[in-house]
Amino acid sequence: MESEEYKISLNYNQIRELVRQLPKEEKLQLSKELAKETIDIRLSRLLESFKTDDLTQDTIDKEVERIRKEIHEGKKFSHDYH
């Protein structure tokens, strides 16, 4: 026997009332699903905020080399004083 799919429209209060009727275990499961969805949305927004066309691999490489040089020179100076 095939299961049929039905769609119904519910407002927030109706959904809240249905959730209140769920057993504790199912409420916890629903809560975890909602939390995952919220985290996914927030992570997507965060990643989108960092997206830029101004940053190239060459720019990243130059900055990495600059920092490495600073670190190397800093270590050199600290060795001179010991």
C-alpha atoms as a PDB file:
ATOM      1  CA  MET A   1       0.000   0.000   0.000  1.00  0.00           C
ATOM      2  CA  GLU A   2       1.470   3.363  -1.028  1.00  0.00           C
ATOM      3  CA  SER A   3       1.387   6.246   1.356  1.00  0.00           C
ATOM      4  CA  GLU A   4      -0.123   9.442   0.099  1.00  0.00           C
ATOM      5  CA  GLU A   5       1.234  12.890   0.728  1.00  0.00           C
ATOM      6  CA  TYR A   6      -1.003  15.608   2.070  1.00  0.00           C
ATOM      7  CA  LYS A   7      -0.210  19.266   2.550  1.00  0.00           C
ATOM      8  CA  ILE A   8      -1.980  21.459   5.044  1.00  0.00           C
ATOM      9  CA  SER A   9      -1.483  25.065   6.099  1.00  0.00           C
ATOM     10  CA  LEU A  10      -0.907  25.693   9.789  1.00  0.00           C
ATOM     11  CA  ASN A  11      -0.173  28.912  11.595  1.00  0.00           C
ATOM     12  CA  TYR A  12       2.394  29.254  14.358  1.00  0.00           C
ATOM     13  CA  ASN A  13      -0.114  28.736  17.181  1.00  0.00           C
ATOM     14  CA  GLN A  14      -1.447  25.552  15.593  1.00  0.00           C
ATOM     15  CA  ILE A  15       2.057  24.167  15.204  1.00  0.00           C
ATOM     16  CA  ARG A  16       2.899  25.086  18.785  1.00  0.00           C
ATOM     17  CA  GLU A  17      -0.221  23.269  19.987  1.00  0.00           C
ATOM     18  CA  LEU A  18       0.730  20.162  17.995  1.00  0.00           C
ATOM     19  CA  VAL A  19       4.244  20.230  19.437  1.00  0.00           C
ATOM     20  CA  ARG A  20       2.842  20.444  22.964  1.00  0.00           C
ATOM     21  CA  GLN A  21       0.990  17.185  22.300  1.00  0.00           C
ATOM     22  CA  LEU A  22       4.133  15.294  21.276  1.00  0.00           C
ATOM     23  CA  PRO A  23       5.796  12.857  23.665  1.00  0.00           C
ATOM     24  CA  LYS A  24       8.929  14.194  25.369  1.00  0.00           C
ATOM     25  CA  GLU A  25      11.287  12.111  23.176  1.00  0.00           C
ATOM     26  CA  GLU A  26       9.757  13.478  19.967  1.00  0.00           C
ATOM     27  CA  LYS A  27       9.927  17.033  21.311  1.00  0.00           C
ATOM     28  CA  LEU A  28      13.643  16.542  21.942  1.00  0.00           C
ATOM     29  CA  GLN A  29      14.133  15.129  18.452  1.00  0.00           C
ATOM     30  CA  LEU A  30      12.243  18.074  16.928  1.00  0.00           C
ATOM     31  CA  SER A  31      14.289  20.495  18.999  1.00  0.00           C
ATOM     32  CA  LYS A  32      17.533  18.974  17.702  1.00  0.00           C
ATOM     33  CA  GLU A  33      16.311  19.198  14.105  1.00  0.00           C
ATOM     34  CA  LEU A  34      15.358  22.853  14.543  1.00  0.00           C
ATOM     35  CA  ALA A  35      18.744  23.595  16.147  1.00  0.00           C
ATOM     36  CA  LYS A  36      20.585  21.966  13.225  1.00  0.00           C
ATOM     37  CA  GLU A  37      18.585  24.000  10.738  1.00  0.00           C
ATOM     38  CA  THR A  38      19.280  27.196  12.648  1.00  0.00           C
ATOM     39  CA  ILE A  39      23.006  26.452  12.787  1.00  0.00           C
ATOM     40  CA  ASP A  40      23.050  25.730   9.035  1.00  0.00           C
ATOM     41  CA  ILE A  41      21.352  29.052   8.302  1.00  0.00           C
ATOM     42  CA  ARG A  42      23.684  30.997  10.587  1.00  0.00           C
ATOM     43  CA  LEU A  43      26.775  29.303   9.164  1.00  0.00           C
ATOM     44  CA  SER A  44      25.642  30.025   5.612  1.00  0.00           C
ATOM     45  CA  ARG A  45      25.131  33.693   6.481  1.00  0.00           C
ATOM     46  CA  LEU A  46      28.554  33.861   8.127  1.00  0.00           C
ATOM     47  CA  LEU A  47      30.294  32.272   5.151  1.00  0.00           C
ATOM     48  CA  GLU A  48      28.453  34.580   2.784  1.00  0.00           C
ATOM     49  CA  SER A  49      29.631  37.614   4.757  1.00  0.00           C
ATOM     50  CA  PHE A  50      33.269  36.583   4.198  1.00  0.00           C
ATOM     51  CA  LYS A  51      32.850  36.037   0.469  1.00  0.00           C
ATOM     52  CA  THR A  52      34.781  38.558  -1.610  1.00  0.00           C
ATOM     53  CA  ASP A  53      36.152  38.931  -5.100  1.00  0.00           C
ATOM     54  CA  ASP A  54      38.913  41.252  -3.842  1.00  0.00           C
ATOM     55  CA  LEU A  55      40.961  38.491  -2.206  1.00  0.00           C
ATOM     56  CA  THR A  56      43.223  36.530  -4.517  1.00  0.00           C
ATOM     57  CA  GLN A  57      45.559  33.625  -3.842  1.00  0.00           C
ATOM     58  CA  ASP A  58      48.470  35.942  -4.649  1.00  0.00           C
ATOM     59  CA  THR A  59      47.325  38.385  -1.943  1.00  0.00           C
ATOM     60  CA  ILE A  60      47.055  35.536   0.572  1.00  0.00           C
ATOM     61  CA  ASP A  61      50.518  34.203  -0.356  1.00  0.00           C
ATOM     62  CA  LYS A  62      52.110  37.648   0.040  1.00  0.00           C
ATOM     63  CA  GLU A  63      50.506  38.153   3.450  1.00  0.00           C
ATOM     64  CA  VAL A  64      51.611  34.700   4.618  1.00  0.00           C
ATOM     65  CA  GLU A  65      55.181  35.419   3.536  1.00  0.00           C
ATOM     66  CA  ARG A  66      55.115  38.811   5.283  1.00  0.00           C
ATOM     67  CA  ILE A  67      53.960  37.233   8.546  1.00  0.00           C
ATOM     68  CA  ARG A  68      56.512  34.424   8.258  1.00  0.00           C
ATOM     69  CA  LYS A  69      59.252  37.014   7.787  1.00  0.00           C
ATOM     70  CA  GLU A  70      58.072  38.952  10.860  1.00  0.00           C
ATOM     71  CA  ILE A  71      57.999  35.776  12.934  1.00  0.00           C
ATOM     72  CA  HIS A  72      61.437  34.728  11.705  1.00  0.00           C
ATOM     73  CA  GLU A  73      62.913  38.160  12.452  1.00  0.00           C
ATOM     74  CA  GLY A  74      61.268  38.161  15.878  1.00  0.00           C
ATOM     75  CA  LYS A  75      62.816  34.807  16.704  1.00  0.00           C
ATOM     76  CA  LYS A  76      66.164  36.061  15.469  1.00  0.00           C
ATOM     77  CA  PHE A  77      65.989  39.045  17.798  1.00  0.00           C
ATOM     78  CA  SER A  78      64.966  36.948  20.785  1.00  0.00           C
ATOM     79  CA  HIS A  79      67.953  34.623  20.181  1.00  0.00           C
ATOM     80  CA  ASP A  80      70.334  37.608  20.093  1.00  0.00           C
ATOM     81  CA  TYR A  81      69.372  38.608  23.645  1.00  0.00           C
ATOM     82  CA  HIS A  82      69.841  35.195  25.252  1.00  0.00           C
END
